[in-house]
Protein backbone atom coordinates (compact mmCIF):
# COMPACT_ATOMS: atom_id res chain seq x y z
CA MET A 1 63.46 20.26 29.47
CA PRO A 2 60.77 20.69 26.79
CA LYS A 3 61.78 22.19 23.48
CA GLN A 4 60.65 25.73 22.86
CA ALA A 5 58.95 27.08 19.74
CA VAL A 6 57.65 30.51 18.80
CA VAL A 7 54.92 30.74 16.16
CA ILE A 8 54.23 34.18 14.71
CA GLY A 9 50.92 34.76 12.95
CA MET A 10 47.86 33.06 14.40
CA GLY A 11 45.75 32.55 11.30
CA ARG A 12 44.26 29.11 10.66
CA PHE A 13 47.62 27.62 9.65
CA GLY A 14 49.64 29.22 12.45
CA ALA A 15 47.13 28.41 15.18
CA SER A 16 46.79 24.81 14.04
CA LEU A 17 50.56 24.39 13.94
CA ALA A 18 51.01 25.98 17.36
CA ARG A 19 48.42 23.69 18.94
CA GLU A 20 50.01 20.61 17.37
CA LEU A 21 53.48 21.59 18.62
CA PHE A 22 52.01 22.09 22.08
CA GLN A 23 50.44 18.62 21.97
CA MET A 24 53.85 17.23 20.96
CA GLY A 25 55.35 18.58 24.17
CA TYR A 26 56.81 21.90 23.04
CA ASP A 27 56.60 25.05 25.12
CA VAL A 28 54.88 27.27 22.55
CA LEU A 29 54.92 31.06 22.44
CA ALA A 30 52.24 32.33 20.06
CA VAL A 31 52.47 35.89 18.76
CA ASP A 32 49.85 37.85 16.84
CA LYS A 33 49.00 41.53 16.46
CA GLU A 34 45.25 41.03 16.85
CA GLU A 35 43.89 41.12 20.40
CA GLN A 36 40.86 38.91 19.76
CA VAL A 37 43.01 36.20 18.20
CA THR A 38 45.36 36.08 21.17
CA GLN A 39 42.46 36.02 23.63
CA ASP A 40 40.91 33.02 21.88
CA LEU A 41 44.15 31.03 22.20
CA THR A 42 45.11 32.00 25.75
CA ASP A 43 44.13 28.67 27.36
CA GLN A 44 45.38 26.48 24.51
CA LEU A 45 49.13 27.20 24.45
CA THR A 46 51.99 27.84 26.86
CA TYR A 47 52.21 31.59 26.21
CA VAL A 48 50.12 33.84 23.98
CA VAL A 49 51.22 37.42 23.34
CA ARG A 50 49.73 40.31 21.38
CA ALA A 51 52.71 42.03 19.79
CA ASN A 52 54.23 43.44 16.62
CA ALA A 53 56.77 40.86 15.45
CA THR A 54 58.36 43.29 12.98
CA SER A 55 59.89 45.18 15.91
CA GLU A 56 63.38 44.04 16.90
CA SER A 57 62.97 45.41 20.42
CA VAL A 58 59.74 43.46 20.90
CA LEU A 59 61.35 40.21 19.76
CA ARG A 60 64.31 40.80 22.06
CA GLU A 61 61.96 41.45 24.95
CA LEU A 62 60.14 38.18 24.21
CA GLY A 63 63.48 36.33 24.35
CA VAL A 64 63.08 34.64 20.96
CA ALA A 65 66.85 34.06 20.72
CA ASN A 66 66.45 31.35 23.36
CA PHE A 67 63.94 29.36 21.31
CA ASP A 68 64.87 26.19 19.41
CA LEU A 69 62.44 26.86 16.58
CA ALA A 70 60.59 29.82 15.11
CA VAL A 71 57.79 29.60 12.55
CA VAL A 72 56.76 32.69 10.62
CA ALA A 73 53.17 31.81 9.74
CA ILE A 74 52.10 35.30 8.66
CA GLY A 75 49.70 34.92 5.74
CA THR A 76 48.82 37.99 3.68
CA ASP A 77 51.37 40.60 4.82
CA ILE A 78 54.42 39.58 2.77
CA GLN A 79 56.51 42.53 3.94
CA ALA A 80 55.92 41.64 7.59
CA SER A 81 56.72 38.00 6.84
CA ILE A 82 60.09 38.85 5.28
CA LEU A 83 61.06 41.42 7.93
CA THR A 84 60.15 39.07 10.78
CA THR A 85 62.25 36.30 9.22
CA VAL A 86 65.24 38.64 8.90
CA LEU A 87 64.92 39.75 12.53
CA LEU A 88 64.63 36.19 13.87
CA LYS A 89 67.78 35.11 12.04
CA SER A 90 69.69 38.22 13.13
CA LEU A 91 68.73 37.54 16.75
CA GLY A 92 70.22 34.05 16.52
CA VAL A 93 67.19 31.74 16.45
CA LYS A 94 68.53 28.25 15.64
CA GLU A 95 65.93 27.29 13.04
CA VAL A 96 63.50 29.61 11.26
CA ILE A 97 60.71 28.17 9.12
CA ALA A 98 58.59 30.56 7.07
CA ARG A 99 55.33 30.31 5.19
CA ALA A 100 55.29 31.52 1.57
CA ASN A 101 52.37 32.59 -0.61
CA ASN A 102 54.08 32.30 -4.00
CA PRO A 103 57.45 31.34 -5.57
CA LEU A 104 58.85 34.89 -5.46
CA HIS A 105 57.96 35.18 -1.79
CA ALA A 106 59.65 31.82 -1.18
CA GLN A 107 62.83 32.85 -3.00
CA THR A 108 63.00 36.05 -0.97
CA LEU A 109 62.55 34.19 2.33
CA GLU A 110 65.33 31.78 1.40
CA ARG A 111 67.66 34.65 0.47
CA VAL A 112 67.11 36.43 3.79
CA GLY A 113 67.96 33.28 5.73
CA ALA A 114 64.88 31.10 6.25
CA ASP A 115 66.04 27.54 6.94
CA LYS A 116 62.90 26.06 5.40
CA VAL A 117 59.99 27.49 3.40
CA LEU A 118 56.48 26.02 3.49
CA PHE A 119 53.62 26.24 0.99
CA PRO A 120 50.69 25.02 3.14
CA GLU A 121 47.96 25.74 0.57
CA LEU A 122 49.89 24.02 -2.23
CA GLU A 123 50.75 21.01 -0.06
CA GLU A 124 47.15 20.69 1.11
CA GLY A 125 45.97 20.81 -2.50
CA ILE A 126 48.35 18.00 -3.46
CA ARG A 127 47.16 15.82 -0.55
CA LEU A 128 43.52 16.48 -1.42
CA ALA A 129 44.03 15.61 -5.08
CA HIS A 130 45.53 12.25 -4.15
CA THR A 131 42.73 11.35 -1.73
CA LEU A 132 39.70 12.51 -3.73
CA PHE A 133 39.92 9.82 -6.41
CA ASN A 134 41.47 7.01 -4.39
CA PRO A 135 39.26 6.20 -1.38
CA ASP A 136 41.89 3.85 0.07
CA VAL A 137 44.48 6.65 0.48
CA LEU A 138 43.91 8.32 3.86
CA GLU A 139 46.86 10.74 3.80
CA TYR A 140 49.52 11.58 1.25
CA VAL A 141 52.93 13.27 1.42
CA GLU A 142 54.59 14.16 -1.88
CA ILE A 143 58.32 13.37 -2.13
CA THR A 144 58.66 13.99 -5.88
CA PRO A 145 55.91 14.92 -8.38
CA ASP A 146 54.99 11.26 -9.02
CA PHE A 147 56.35 9.53 -5.91
CA GLY A 148 55.04 9.77 -2.39
CA LEU A 149 54.34 8.35 1.04
CA SER A 150 50.78 7.24 1.77
CA LYS A 151 48.67 5.94 4.63
CA PHE A 152 46.80 3.28 2.72
CA ARG A 153 43.74 1.24 3.68
CA PRO A 154 44.28 -2.27 2.21
CA PRO A 155 41.61 -3.29 -0.32
CA GLU A 156 39.09 -5.93 0.67
CA HIS A 157 40.76 -8.70 -1.36
CA ALA A 158 43.93 -8.33 0.78
CA ILE A 159 42.32 -9.01 4.18
CA GLY A 160 43.43 -12.34 5.65
CA ARG A 161 46.33 -12.73 3.22
CA THR A 162 50.03 -12.09 3.75
CA LEU A 163 51.91 -9.17 2.26
CA GLU A 164 53.69 -11.60 -0.06
CA GLU A 165 50.43 -13.17 -1.23
CA VAL A 166 49.02 -9.81 -2.31
CA GLY A 167 52.28 -8.76 -3.94
CA LEU A 168 53.35 -6.33 -1.19
CA GLY A 169 56.09 -8.42 0.40
CA GLY A 170 59.81 -7.74 0.37
CA THR A 171 61.76 -4.50 0.04
CA ARG A 172 60.26 -3.89 -3.40
CA ASP A 173 57.02 -5.66 -4.23
CA ARG A 174 55.83 -6.51 -7.70
CA TYR A 175 53.87 -3.26 -7.84
CA GLY A 176 56.95 -1.15 -7.08
CA ILE A 177 55.64 -0.23 -3.62
CA SER A 178 57.35 -0.72 -0.28
CA VAL A 179 55.37 -1.32 2.92
CA ILE A 180 57.41 0.34 5.68
CA ALA A 181 54.91 -0.03 8.53
CA ILE A 182 51.50 -1.37 9.51
CA ARG A 183 49.37 0.49 12.02
CA ARG A 184 47.44 -2.07 14.03
CA GLY A 185 45.79 -0.74 17.15
CA ARG A 186 48.17 1.35 19.22
CA GLU A 187 51.40 -0.43 18.31
CA PRO A 188 52.84 -0.04 14.81
CA ILE A 189 54.62 -2.93 13.11
CA LEU A 190 57.78 -1.45 11.58
CA LEU A 191 59.30 -3.00 8.44
CA PRO A 192 56.87 -5.93 8.45
CA SER A 193 58.01 -9.27 7.06
CA LYS A 194 56.57 -10.68 3.84
CA ASP A 195 54.71 -13.28 5.95
CA GLU A 196 52.79 -10.67 7.96
CA GLN A 197 49.06 -11.27 7.53
CA ILE A 198 46.89 -8.25 6.76
CA ARG A 199 44.00 -7.87 9.19
CA GLU A 200 40.72 -6.01 9.16
CA GLY A 201 41.32 -2.42 10.30
CA ASP A 202 45.03 -2.37 9.40
CA ILE A 203 46.49 0.77 7.89
CA LEU A 204 49.57 0.35 5.68
CA LEU A 205 52.24 3.02 5.44
CA VAL A 206 53.62 2.63 1.95
CA ILE A 207 56.04 4.43 -0.32
CA GLY A 208 56.08 4.26 -4.11
CA LYS A 209 54.88 5.75 -7.38
CA ASP A 210 51.36 7.15 -7.40
CA GLU A 211 50.18 5.14 -10.42
CA LEU A 212 51.34 1.89 -8.81
CA LEU A 213 49.43 2.56 -5.60
CA ASP A 214 46.26 2.99 -7.63
CA ARG A 215 46.96 -0.28 -9.46
CA VAL A 216 46.82 -2.21 -6.18
CA ARG A 217 43.36 -0.84 -5.44
CA LYS A 218 42.06 -1.54 -8.95
CA ARG A 219 43.17 -5.15 -8.69
CA ASP A 220 40.21 -5.69 -6.37
CA VAL A 221 37.84 -4.42 -9.07
CA SER A 222 39.34 -6.75 -11.68
CA ASN A 223 39.10 -9.72 -9.28
CA GLN A 224 35.41 -9.00 -8.64
CA THR A 225 34.73 -8.67 -12.35
CA SER A 226 36.44 -12.01 -13.06
CA ALA A 227 34.52 -13.70 -10.25
CA LYS A 228 31.17 -12.45 -11.60
CA ALA A 229 32.04 -13.63 -15.10
CA ALA A 230 32.99 -17.08 -13.81
CA SER A 231 29.74 -17.27 -11.85
CA ARG A 232 27.69 -16.48 -14.96
CA GLU A 233 29.52 -19.14 -17.00
CA SER A 234 28.87 -21.80 -14.40
């Protein structure tokens, strides 16, 4: 039986999340108070309902207590966000995740029972900052302020060489980065060995300090500079 999720608030964040959950195999109930919004999503999700989620009777009628997951994705109406979170927890929803606009909003959501609080704008800003100035980083997930998980396009100098040869072999390579998977076509290579050869088109999933990830990319620049200097001397 598919898992069930209710997403309340169909702004850009809520609608995107609801569609992704639906693609992952969830039965998704989307709730929003605006008629036009619900009409636009009718054919994209399992159920789409125009309703006021701050009403306990409405939530009971929708049967939210039977859902495995509820996401309160309400954006600008902080009062509605908090009240909806309280009602979902009081009705017995197993896991309630809520979107916050600021630290005070987040603290309030946690105090009223939210199991997890999200800062989508902040998290998107962090990902963007890490990809703007490092063209090899395709996606970034922050774990601590200077340590994260990245989908990393290997630099040109690494193609055709093994992970060990480019200093990315072993549990901890000489750059302080761990390669935990290689995406190659449809089948990922999990925990690749140090002898795994990097191919054109590979995407590395790596974990480590931000500054060290950048050092791997810059090594290509230094190699090219050295090669040009050697060519001029000869």
